[in-house]
N, C-alpha and C. Protein backbone atom coordinates (compact mmCIF):
# COMPACT_ATOMS: atom_id res chain seq x y z
N MET A 1 -11.43 -59.20 -101.77
CA MET A 1 -11.77 -58.87 -100.60
C MET A 1 -12.91 -59.46 -99.96
N THR A 2 -13.26 -58.89 -100.19
CA THR A 2 -14.77 -59.26 -99.71
C THR A 2 -15.49 -60.31 -99.30
N ASP A 3 -14.89 -61.61 -100.64
CA ASP A 3 -15.99 -62.90 -100.14
C ASP A 3 -15.39 -62.86 -98.71
N PRO A 4 -13.94 -63.02 -98.50
CA PRO A 4 -13.69 -64.09 -96.33
C PRO A 4 -14.22 -62.76 -95.93
N ILE A 5 -14.52 -61.35 -95.90
CA ILE A 5 -15.28 -60.72 -95.30
C ILE A 5 -16.18 -60.96 -95.19
N ARG A 6 -17.13 -60.86 -96.14
CA ARG A 6 -18.97 -61.52 -95.68
C ARG A 6 -18.92 -63.03 -95.03
N THR A 7 -18.15 -64.50 -95.90
CA THR A 7 -18.30 -65.29 -95.40
C THR A 7 -17.99 -64.77 -93.59
N ALA A 8 -17.28 -64.24 -93.49
CA ALA A 8 -16.81 -64.40 -91.94
C ALA A 8 -18.10 -63.87 -90.54
N ILE A 9 -18.52 -62.76 -91.80
CA ILE A 9 -19.94 -62.05 -90.73
C ILE A 9 -20.57 -62.90 -90.75
N GLU A 10 -20.48 -63.90 -92.18
CA GLU A 10 -22.32 -64.62 -91.96
C GLU A 10 -21.73 -66.03 -91.13
N GLY A 11 -20.65 -66.42 -91.04
CA GLY A 11 -20.74 -66.90 -89.99
C GLY A 11 -21.01 -67.17 -88.48
N ALA A 12 -19.93 -65.91 -88.23
CA ALA A 12 -20.52 -65.70 -87.14
C ALA A 12 -22.26 -65.40 -87.10
N SER A 13 -22.44 -64.57 -88.00
CA SER A 13 -24.22 -63.64 -87.24
C SER A 13 -24.40 -65.52 -87.54
N ALA A 14 -24.85 -65.91 -88.72
CA ALA A 14 -25.50 -67.85 -87.99
C ALA A 14 -24.47 -67.86 -86.21
N TYR A 15 -24.28 -67.85 -86.11
CA TYR A 15 -23.39 -69.10 -84.97
C TYR A 15 -23.78 -67.99 -83.18
N LEU A 16 -24.02 -66.31 -83.38
CA LEU A 16 -24.77 -65.68 -82.64
C LEU A 16 -26.10 -65.87 -82.44
N THR A 17 -26.77 -66.08 -84.12
CA THR A 17 -27.93 -66.38 -84.05
C THR A 17 -28.49 -67.29 -83.63
N GLU A 18 -27.77 -68.91 -82.90
CA GLU A 18 -28.16 -69.89 -82.95
C GLU A 18 -27.49 -69.72 -80.99
N HIS A 19 -26.26 -68.94 -81.19
CA HIS A 19 -26.40 -69.36 -79.34
C HIS A 19 -25.46 -67.58 -78.68
N PRO A 20 -27.18 -66.83 -78.65
CA PRO A 20 -26.83 -65.53 -77.75
C PRO A 20 -26.48 -65.82 -76.85
N ASP A 21 -26.42 -66.09 -75.79
CA ASP A 21 -26.23 -66.50 -74.97
C ASP A 21 -24.68 -66.12 -74.85
N GLU A 22 -23.84 -66.38 -76.36
CA GLU A 22 -22.46 -66.12 -75.86
C GLU A 22 -21.79 -64.96 -76.80
N ALA A 23 -22.86 -64.32 -76.58
CA ALA A 23 -22.62 -62.50 -78.13
C ALA A 23 -22.19 -61.37 -76.53
N ARG A 24 -21.97 -61.64 -75.59
CA ARG A 24 -22.32 -60.71 -74.87
C ARG A 24 -20.50 -61.36 -73.62
N TYR A 25 -19.59 -60.67 -73.86
CA TYR A 25 -18.12 -61.03 -72.81
C TYR A 25 -17.66 -59.87 -72.47
N THR A 26 -16.52 -59.70 -72.08
CA THR A 26 -16.01 -58.60 -71.46
C THR A 26 -14.77 -58.41 -71.94
N ASP A 27 -14.36 -56.83 -72.58
CA ASP A 27 -13.46 -56.36 -73.28
C ASP A 27 -11.93 -56.65 -72.25
N SER A 28 -11.21 -56.69 -73.15
CA SER A 28 -10.44 -57.19 -73.15
C SER A 28 -9.99 -55.96 -72.12
N LEU A 29 -8.82 -56.25 -70.64
CA LEU A 29 -8.27 -54.91 -70.08
C LEU A 29 -7.05 -53.85 -70.79
N ALA A 30 -7.39 -52.61 -71.00
CA ALA A 30 -5.33 -51.78 -70.80
C ALA A 30 -5.49 -51.77 -69.34
N THR A 31 -4.11 -51.49 -69.36
CA THR A 31 -3.57 -50.58 -67.56
C THR A 31 -2.58 -50.20 -67.92
N ALA A 32 -2.79 -48.96 -67.14
CA ALA A 32 -1.55 -48.31 -68.10
C ALA A 32 -1.29 -47.62 -66.74
N ARG A 33 0.39 -46.95 -67.24
CA ARG A 33 1.37 -46.38 -65.84
C ARG A 33 1.78 -45.09 -66.76
N VAL A 34 2.13 -44.73 -65.49
CA VAL A 34 3.41 -43.27 -65.90
C VAL A 34 4.95 -44.02 -65.92
N VAL A 35 5.16 -43.63 -67.04
CA VAL A 35 6.09 -43.75 -67.65
C VAL A 35 6.91 -42.90 -66.18
N ASP A 36 7.06 -41.53 -67.47
CA ASP A 36 8.09 -40.34 -66.28
C ASP A 36 6.53 -39.35 -66.88
N GLY A 37 6.84 -37.88 -66.00
CA GLY A 37 6.01 -36.64 -66.25
C GLY A 37 4.35 -37.65 -66.62
N LEU A 38 3.87 -36.95 -67.76
CA LEU A 38 2.45 -37.44 -68.44
C LEU A 38 2.64 -38.62 -69.59
N HIS A 39 4.51 -38.76 -69.45
CA HIS A 39 4.31 -40.39 -70.69
C HIS A 39 3.51 -41.88 -69.96
N VAL A 40 2.73 -42.19 -70.73
CA VAL A 40 2.20 -43.12 -70.20
C VAL A 40 2.72 -44.31 -71.05
N ARG A 41 1.96 -45.54 -70.15
CA ARG A 41 2.44 -46.41 -71.49
C ARG A 41 0.86 -47.75 -70.88
N VAL A 42 1.12 -48.12 -71.80
CA VAL A 42 -0.71 -48.24 -71.67
C VAL A 42 -0.65 -50.14 -72.39
N ASP A 43 -0.74 -51.72 -71.76
CA ASP A 43 -0.01 -52.81 -71.90
C ASP A 43 -1.48 -53.44 -71.93
N GLY A 44 -1.85 -54.39 -72.68
CA GLY A 44 -3.06 -55.26 -72.91
C GLY A 44 -2.63 -56.82 -72.54
N PRO A 45 -3.31 -57.59 -72.65
CA PRO A 45 -3.26 -59.25 -71.88
C PRO A 45 -2.44 -59.57 -73.63
N ASN A 46 -2.54 -59.63 -74.30
CA ASN A 46 -1.70 -59.71 -75.58
C ASN A 46 -0.22 -59.99 -76.09
N GLY A 47 0.05 -58.46 -74.78
CA GLY A 47 1.15 -57.56 -75.73
C GLY A 47 1.39 -56.71 -76.53
N GLU A 48 -0.38 -56.13 -76.68
CA GLU A 48 -0.65 -54.71 -76.80
C GLU A 48 -0.12 -54.16 -76.26
N ARG A 49 0.86 -53.71 -76.29
CA ARG A 49 1.20 -51.39 -76.26
C ARG A 49 1.38 -50.84 -76.71
N LEU A 50 0.87 -48.90 -76.17
CA LEU A 50 0.84 -48.39 -76.79
C LEU A 50 1.63 -47.04 -75.56
N GLU A 51 1.46 -46.56 -77.07
CA GLU A 51 2.45 -45.23 -75.32
C GLU A 51 1.71 -43.13 -75.81
N THR A 52 1.36 -43.01 -74.70
CA THR A 52 0.62 -41.79 -74.66
C THR A 52 1.78 -40.60 -74.11
N ASP A 53 0.84 -38.92 -74.84
CA ASP A 53 1.97 -38.17 -73.62
C ASP A 53 1.08 -37.19 -73.02
N MET A 54 1.01 -36.25 -73.15
CA MET A 54 0.10 -34.70 -73.01
C MET A 54 1.34 -34.21 -74.03
N PRO A 55 0.43 -32.34 -74.64
CA PRO A 55 1.69 -31.66 -75.05
C PRO A 55 2.26 -30.41 -73.39
N GLY A 56 3.39 -30.41 -74.40
CA GLY A 56 4.42 -29.19 -73.20
C GLY A 56 3.01 -28.16 -72.47
N ALA A 57 2.16 -28.21 -73.02
CA ALA A 57 1.28 -26.65 -72.60
C ALA A 57 0.97 -27.38 -71.39
N VAL A 58 0.77 -28.24 -71.27
CA VAL A 58 0.40 -29.16 -69.79
C VAL A 58 1.17 -29.71 -68.93
N GLY A 59 2.42 -29.56 -69.56
CA GLY A 59 2.98 -30.23 -68.56
C GLY A 59 3.63 -31.97 -68.81
N GLY A 60 3.40 -31.83 -70.35
CA GLY A 60 4.09 -33.35 -70.70
C GLY A 60 5.20 -32.94 -71.98
N ALA A 61 5.41 -34.33 -72.30
CA ALA A 61 7.20 -33.96 -72.73
C ALA A 61 6.52 -33.36 -74.91
N GLY A 62 5.54 -34.03 -75.58
CA GLY A 62 4.64 -34.32 -76.11
C GLY A 62 5.81 -35.29 -77.00
N SER A 63 5.74 -36.01 -76.49
CA SER A 63 6.61 -37.53 -76.88
C SER A 63 6.31 -38.53 -77.44
N ALA A 64 4.63 -38.47 -78.22
CA ALA A 64 3.87 -39.58 -78.02
C ALA A 64 2.32 -38.64 -78.81
N PRO A 65 1.68 -39.35 -78.81
CA PRO A 65 -0.01 -38.92 -78.92
C PRO A 65 -0.76 -38.77 -78.02
N SER A 66 -1.42 -37.52 -77.81
CA SER A 66 -1.83 -37.60 -76.96
C SER A 66 -3.86 -39.08 -76.55
N PRO A 67 -4.09 -38.91 -75.69
CA PRO A 67 -5.33 -39.99 -75.02
C PRO A 67 -6.02 -39.47 -76.25
N GLY A 68 -6.61 -38.00 -76.44
CA GLY A 68 -7.39 -37.80 -77.47
C GLY A 68 -7.12 -38.16 -78.93
N TRP A 69 -5.89 -37.36 -79.42
CA TRP A 69 -6.09 -38.66 -80.40
C TRP A 69 -6.38 -39.45 -80.35
N PHE A 70 -5.19 -41.15 -79.35
CA PHE A 70 -6.23 -42.27 -80.28
C PHE A 70 -7.64 -42.72 -79.78
N LEU A 71 -8.22 -41.63 -79.66
CA LEU A 71 -9.85 -41.22 -78.60
C LEU A 71 -10.51 -41.77 -81.20
N ARG A 72 -9.42 -40.21 -81.67
CA ARG A 72 -10.36 -39.76 -82.87
C ARG A 72 -9.54 -41.04 -83.39
N ALA A 73 -8.16 -41.70 -83.06
CA ALA A 73 -7.84 -43.12 -84.40
C ALA A 73 -8.15 -44.52 -83.55
N ALA A 74 -8.98 -44.50 -83.52
CA ALA A 74 -10.20 -45.36 -82.22
C ALA A 74 -11.22 -45.36 -83.04
N VAL A 75 -12.23 -44.40 -83.28
CA VAL A 75 -13.01 -44.24 -83.80
C VAL A 75 -12.66 -43.69 -85.11
N ALA A 76 -12.05 -43.42 -86.29
CA ALA A 76 -11.46 -43.70 -87.36
C ALA A 76 -11.68 -44.80 -87.99
N ALA A 77 -10.73 -45.82 -87.15
CA ALA A 77 -10.24 -47.23 -86.76
C ALA A 77 -11.97 -47.78 -87.56
N CYS A 78 -12.43 -47.76 -86.39
CA CYS A 78 -13.11 -48.82 -85.97
C CYS A 78 -14.72 -48.70 -86.94
N VAL A 79 -15.01 -47.51 -87.50
CA VAL A 79 -15.94 -46.57 -88.52
C VAL A 79 -15.11 -47.05 -90.00
N THR A 80 -14.19 -46.93 -90.47
CA THR A 80 -13.34 -47.67 -90.86
C THR A 80 -13.67 -49.29 -91.75
N SER A 81 -13.33 -49.77 -90.45
CA SER A 81 -13.03 -51.20 -90.54
C SER A 81 -14.87 -51.69 -90.95
N LEU A 82 -16.50 -51.29 -89.93
CA LEU A 82 -17.41 -51.08 -90.27
C LEU A 82 -18.10 -51.22 -91.40
N ALA A 83 -17.45 -50.02 -92.66
CA ALA A 83 -18.18 -49.07 -93.73
C ALA A 83 -17.61 -51.03 -93.97
N THR A 84 -16.38 -51.18 -94.17
CA THR A 84 -15.35 -51.97 -94.71
C THR A 84 -16.73 -53.34 -95.41
N MET A 85 -16.55 -53.53 -94.14
CA MET A 85 -17.47 -54.83 -93.43
C MET A 85 -19.29 -54.58 -93.90
N ARG A 86 -20.30 -53.61 -94.04
CA ARG A 86 -20.93 -53.51 -94.41
C ARG A 86 -21.28 -54.07 -95.37
N ALA A 87 -19.67 -53.25 -96.95
CA ALA A 87 -19.02 -52.96 -98.36
C ALA A 87 -19.69 -54.52 -98.12
N ALA A 88 -18.71 -54.83 -97.46
CA ALA A 88 -18.62 -56.67 -98.35
C ALA A 88 -19.87 -57.30 -97.95
N GLN A 89 -20.48 -57.31 -96.38
CA GLN A 89 -21.94 -57.87 -96.66
C GLN A 89 -22.59 -58.07 -97.58
N LEU A 90 -22.61 -56.90 -98.28
CA LEU A 90 -23.91 -56.09 -99.84
C LEU A 90 -23.15 -55.72 -100.65
N GLY A 91 -21.58 -56.83 -100.97
CA GLY A 91 -21.77 -57.07 -101.84
C GLY A 91 -20.89 -56.23 -102.28
N MET A 92 -21.30 -55.47 -102.50
CA MET A 92 -20.05 -53.86 -102.89
C MET A 92 -18.64 -54.71 -102.93
N THR A 93 -17.90 -53.62 -104.64
CA THR A 93 -16.65 -54.71 -105.35
C THR A 93 -16.17 -52.92 -104.89
N GLY A 94 -15.09 -52.86 -105.34
CA GLY A 94 -13.77 -51.99 -105.15
C GLY A 94 -14.40 -51.14 -104.76
N PHE A 95 -14.25 -51.85 -102.90
CA PHE A 95 -15.29 -50.86 -102.41
C PHE A 95 -13.52 -50.19 -101.40
N THR A 96 -13.51 -48.61 -101.52
CA THR A 96 -12.50 -47.74 -101.24
C THR A 96 -12.68 -47.47 -100.17
N CYS A 97 -11.82 -46.95 -98.52
CA CYS A 97 -12.97 -45.96 -98.20
C CYS A 97 -11.84 -45.62 -96.49
N GLU A 98 -11.89 -44.31 -96.24
CA GLU A 98 -10.60 -42.82 -95.93
C GLU A 98 -11.61 -42.80 -95.00
N VAL A 99 -11.01 -42.53 -93.75
CA VAL A 99 -12.63 -42.07 -92.77
C VAL A 99 -11.06 -40.92 -91.96
N GLU A 100 -12.32 -39.56 -91.43
CA GLU A 100 -11.94 -38.34 -91.47
C GLU A 100 -12.08 -37.87 -89.65
N VAL A 101 -11.61 -38.07 -88.70
CA VAL A 101 -12.52 -37.67 -87.55
C VAL A 101 -11.79 -36.56 -86.60
N ASP A 102 -12.12 -35.50 -86.27
CA ASP A 102 -11.63 -34.05 -85.58
C ASP A 102 -12.57 -34.12 -84.32
N SER A 103 -12.50 -32.99 -83.74
CA SER A 103 -13.21 -33.04 -82.71
C SER A 103 -12.69 -31.41 -82.00
N GLU A 104 -13.80 -31.28 -81.43
CA GLU A 104 -14.09 -29.34 -81.38
C GLU A 104 -13.87 -29.64 -79.78
N SER A 105 -12.63 -29.16 -79.22
CA SER A 105 -11.93 -29.27 -77.54
C SER A 105 -12.55 -27.77 -76.84
N ASP A 106 -12.64 -28.05 -75.44
CA ASP A 106 -12.44 -27.07 -74.60
C ASP A 106 -11.29 -26.87 -73.86
N ASP A 107 -10.20 -26.33 -73.45
CA ASP A 107 -9.47 -26.82 -73.11
C ASP A 107 -9.47 -26.26 -70.91
N ARG A 108 -10.52 -25.26 -70.97
CA ARG A 108 -11.04 -24.93 -69.34
C ARG A 108 -11.33 -26.42 -69.04
N GLY A 109 -11.70 -27.82 -69.92
CA GLY A 109 -12.67 -28.43 -69.51
C GLY A 109 -11.35 -29.24 -68.72
N ILE A 110 -10.56 -29.70 -68.75
CA ILE A 110 -9.39 -31.03 -68.64
C ILE A 110 -8.29 -30.00 -67.87
N LEU A 111 -8.50 -28.75 -68.06
CA LEU A 111 -7.56 -28.39 -66.49
C LEU A 111 -8.41 -28.07 -66.04
N GLY A 112 -10.31 -27.74 -65.52
CA GLY A 112 -10.59 -27.47 -63.95
C GLY A 112 -11.11 -26.92 -63.80
N LEU A 113 -10.57 -25.57 -65.26
CA LEU A 113 -11.21 -24.32 -65.38
C LEU A 113 -12.21 -23.08 -65.02
N ASP A 114 -13.26 -24.50 -64.90
CA ASP A 114 -14.87 -24.40 -65.27
C ASP A 114 -15.08 -25.32 -66.06
N SER A 115 -16.35 -25.06 -64.22
CA SER A 115 -17.65 -27.24 -64.45
C SER A 115 -18.11 -26.34 -65.42
N SER A 116 -19.05 -25.48 -65.53
CA SER A 116 -19.26 -25.63 -67.50
C SER A 116 -18.97 -26.61 -68.23
N VAL A 117 -17.81 -26.80 -68.10
CA VAL A 117 -16.84 -27.17 -69.55
C VAL A 117 -16.45 -28.50 -69.61
N PRO A 118 -16.96 -29.41 -70.56
CA PRO A 118 -16.97 -31.05 -69.91
C PRO A 118 -15.23 -30.83 -70.48
N GLY A 119 -14.87 -32.23 -69.92
CA GLY A 119 -13.33 -32.62 -69.96
C GLY A 119 -12.48 -32.94 -71.56
N GLY A 120 -13.82 -33.03 -72.22
CA GLY A 120 -13.62 -34.32 -72.92
C GLY A 120 -13.95 -33.26 -74.57
N PRO A 121 -14.40 -34.06 -75.43
CA PRO A 121 -14.84 -32.56 -77.00
C PRO A 121 -16.59 -32.26 -76.50
N LEU A 122 -16.54 -31.35 -77.33
CA LEU A 122 -18.34 -30.71 -77.67
C LEU A 122 -18.35 -31.35 -78.64
N SER A 123 -17.72 -31.89 -79.79
CA SER A 123 -17.83 -31.69 -80.49
C SER A 123 -17.33 -33.10 -81.16
N MET A 124 -17.91 -34.00 -82.26
CA MET A 124 -16.18 -34.34 -83.28
C MET A 124 -17.22 -34.76 -85.05
N ARG A 125 -15.70 -34.74 -85.87
CA ARG A 125 -16.83 -34.36 -87.34
C ARG A 125 -16.56 -35.99 -87.93
N ILE A 126 -17.29 -37.22 -88.81
CA ILE A 126 -16.27 -38.14 -89.18
C ILE A 126 -16.95 -38.43 -90.49
N GLY A 127 -15.37 -37.98 -91.28
CA GLY A 127 -15.94 -37.31 -92.71
C GLY A 127 -15.29 -38.92 -92.88
N PHE A 128 -16.21 -38.85 -94.61
CA PHE A 128 -15.92 -40.30 -95.14
C PHE A 128 -15.37 -40.10 -96.21
N ARG A 129 -14.49 -41.19 -97.42
CA ARG A 129 -14.57 -40.54 -98.08
C ARG A 129 -15.10 -41.96 -98.80
N MET A 130 -15.31 -42.32 -100.13
CA MET A 130 -15.39 -43.74 -99.92
C MET A 130 -16.39 -44.36 -101.95
N SER A 131 -16.25 -45.20 -102.19
CA SER A 131 -16.24 -45.63 -103.72
C SER A 131 -16.45 -46.93 -103.33
N ALA A 132 -16.94 -46.88 -104.52
CA ALA A 132 -17.33 -48.50 -105.06
C ALA A 132 -17.41 -49.09 -105.94
N ASP A 133 -17.43 -49.49 -107.07
CA ASP A 133 -18.22 -49.90 -108.72
C ASP A 133 -19.90 -50.65 -108.81
N ASP A 134 -19.99 -48.54 -109.64
CA ASP A 134 -21.54 -48.55 -109.78
C ASP A 134 -22.02 -48.95 -108.75
N VAL A 135 -21.63 -48.03 -107.77
CA VAL A 135 -23.06 -47.47 -106.54
C VAL A 135 -22.88 -45.89 -106.79
N ARG A 136 -23.88 -45.89 -106.53
CA ARG A 136 -24.25 -44.11 -106.20
C ARG A 136 -24.13 -43.53 -104.72
N LEU A 137 -23.89 -42.14 -104.37
CA LEU A 137 -23.98 -41.84 -103.03
C LEU A 137 -24.64 -41.67 -102.52
N ASP A 138 -25.65 -42.19 -102.63
CA ASP A 138 -27.08 -42.31 -101.54
C ASP A 138 -26.57 -43.73 -100.87
N ARG A 139 -26.44 -44.33 -101.38
CA ARG A 139 -25.74 -45.98 -100.81
C ARG A 139 -24.59 -45.96 -100.59
N LEU A 140 -23.79 -45.30 -100.38
CA LEU A 140 -22.49 -45.11 -99.58
C LEU A 140 -23.00 -44.05 -98.60
N GLU A 141 -23.52 -42.66 -98.73
CA GLU A 141 -23.69 -42.52 -97.16
C GLU A 141 -24.47 -44.17 -96.61
N GLU A 142 -25.01 -44.59 -97.06
CA GLU A 142 -25.91 -45.47 -95.50
C GLU A 142 -25.41 -45.87 -95.71
N VAL A 143 -23.68 -46.15 -96.34
CA VAL A 143 -23.13 -47.10 -95.14
C VAL A 143 -22.25 -46.71 -94.39
N ALA A 144 -22.23 -45.24 -94.81
CA ALA A 144 -21.28 -44.66 -93.66
C ALA A 144 -22.03 -44.46 -92.35
N VAL A 145 -23.43 -44.02 -92.42
CA VAL A 145 -24.32 -44.20 -91.16
C VAL A 145 -23.93 -45.63 -90.57
N TRP A 146 -24.61 -46.90 -91.17
CA TRP A 146 -24.39 -48.55 -90.88
C TRP A 146 -23.53 -47.98 -89.33
N ALA A 147 -21.59 -47.78 -90.51
CA ALA A 147 -20.94 -48.14 -89.45
C ALA A 147 -20.04 -47.08 -88.36
N VAL A 148 -21.23 -45.97 -88.34
CA VAL A 148 -21.46 -45.07 -86.94
C VAL A 148 -22.78 -45.83 -86.28
N GLU A 149 -23.34 -46.56 -86.44
CA GLU A 149 -24.51 -46.14 -85.62
C GLU A 149 -24.13 -47.66 -85.23
N HIS A 150 -23.24 -48.21 -85.92
CA HIS A 150 -23.22 -49.96 -85.03
C HIS A 150 -20.93 -50.35 -85.16
N CYS A 151 -21.09 -49.02 -84.98
CA CYS A 151 -19.10 -49.13 -84.03
C CYS A 151 -19.26 -49.09 -83.10
N PRO A 152 -18.78 -49.48 -82.08
CA PRO A 152 -17.86 -49.47 -80.94
C PRO A 152 -17.54 -49.22 -79.78
N ILE A 153 -16.29 -48.28 -81.05
CA ILE A 153 -15.92 -46.72 -79.40
C ILE A 153 -17.17 -45.57 -80.82
N SER A 154 -17.13 -46.13 -82.34
CA SER A 154 -18.40 -43.86 -81.63
C SER A 154 -19.47 -43.96 -81.37
N ASP A 155 -20.16 -45.67 -81.05
CA ASP A 155 -21.58 -45.53 -79.93
C ASP A 155 -20.82 -45.26 -78.15
N ALA A 156 -19.60 -45.39 -77.89
CA ALA A 156 -19.12 -45.44 -76.99
C ALA A 156 -19.41 -43.46 -76.72
N VAL A 157 -19.06 -43.31 -77.44
CA VAL A 157 -18.56 -41.66 -78.03
C VAL A 157 -20.33 -41.06 -77.79
N ARG A 158 -20.58 -41.67 -77.99
CA ARG A 158 -22.37 -40.60 -78.72
C ARG A 158 -22.59 -41.24 -77.57
N ARG A 159 -23.10 -42.71 -77.28
CA ARG A 159 -23.54 -42.59 -75.38
C ARG A 159 -23.25 -42.51 -73.91
N ALA A 160 -24.05 -42.60 -73.45
CA ALA A 160 -23.69 -42.44 -71.48
C ALA A 160 -22.85 -43.51 -70.74
N VAL A 161 -21.48 -44.66 -71.34
CA VAL A 161 -21.83 -45.24 -71.22
C VAL A 161 -21.76 -45.37 -69.32
N PRO A 162 -22.45 -46.27 -68.45
CA PRO A 162 -21.86 -46.61 -67.90
C PRO A 162 -20.28 -46.57 -67.24
N VAL A 163 -19.34 -45.81 -66.24
CA VAL A 163 -18.49 -45.56 -66.06
C VAL A 163 -18.39 -46.28 -64.30
N HIS A 164 -17.36 -47.59 -63.63
CA HIS A 164 -18.10 -47.22 -62.55
C HIS A 164 -16.81 -46.76 -62.18
N VAL A 165 -15.99 -45.97 -60.79
CA VAL A 165 -15.02 -46.23 -60.89
C VAL A 165 -14.09 -47.11 -59.36
N GLU A 166 -13.50 -47.31 -59.16
CA GLU A 166 -12.59 -48.01 -58.58
C GLU A 166 -11.40 -47.72 -58.24
N VAL A 167 -11.32 -47.44 -56.78
CA VAL A 167 -9.15 -47.21 -55.96
C VAL A 167 -9.63 -47.68 -55.31
N SER A 168 -8.04 -48.64 -55.18
CA SER A 168 -7.74 -49.56 -54.21
C SER A 168 -5.88 -48.32 -53.92
N ASP A 169 -5.55 -48.81 -52.62
CA ASP A 169 -3.84 -48.34 -52.69
C ASP A 169 -3.25 -49.55 -52.53
N GLY A 170 -2.12 -49.40 -52.89
CA GLY A 170 -1.03 -49.82 -53.32
C GLY A 170 0.78 -49.38 -54.36
């Protein structure tokens, strides 16, 4: 399984090294609409779809995962993918990876009760369980750190990404 991944990464790396002007692009659009109450449907340009809902304590029905859960799921999926890609690049065989992501939040922030409390998570933990044939723990830790550093989702959480708010009527 690592050979097709490594081959694809080598091909993409060679191409982008030769054509660096093609490395930057606009990510695909996600469009969210209220279905009912706090139940929201998010659609992508190619038929992608997910639904969120907020818990009952804040007026939702709890009929779908919260947006915060999807953030943690996105971090978990992304760093798992990046760890697998890095292990393939390094030629690790028998690689397995499971990632848990949790965070600590303070609901006073999301409810606007205390302006000193942020609306988002106060901290996040990314826990890895990994193994590979004949690979020591310190090498697996290097793979985990590399994955977190290069994952675009965990990078967006760690780094203050500029956000531009646009409002139109309609």
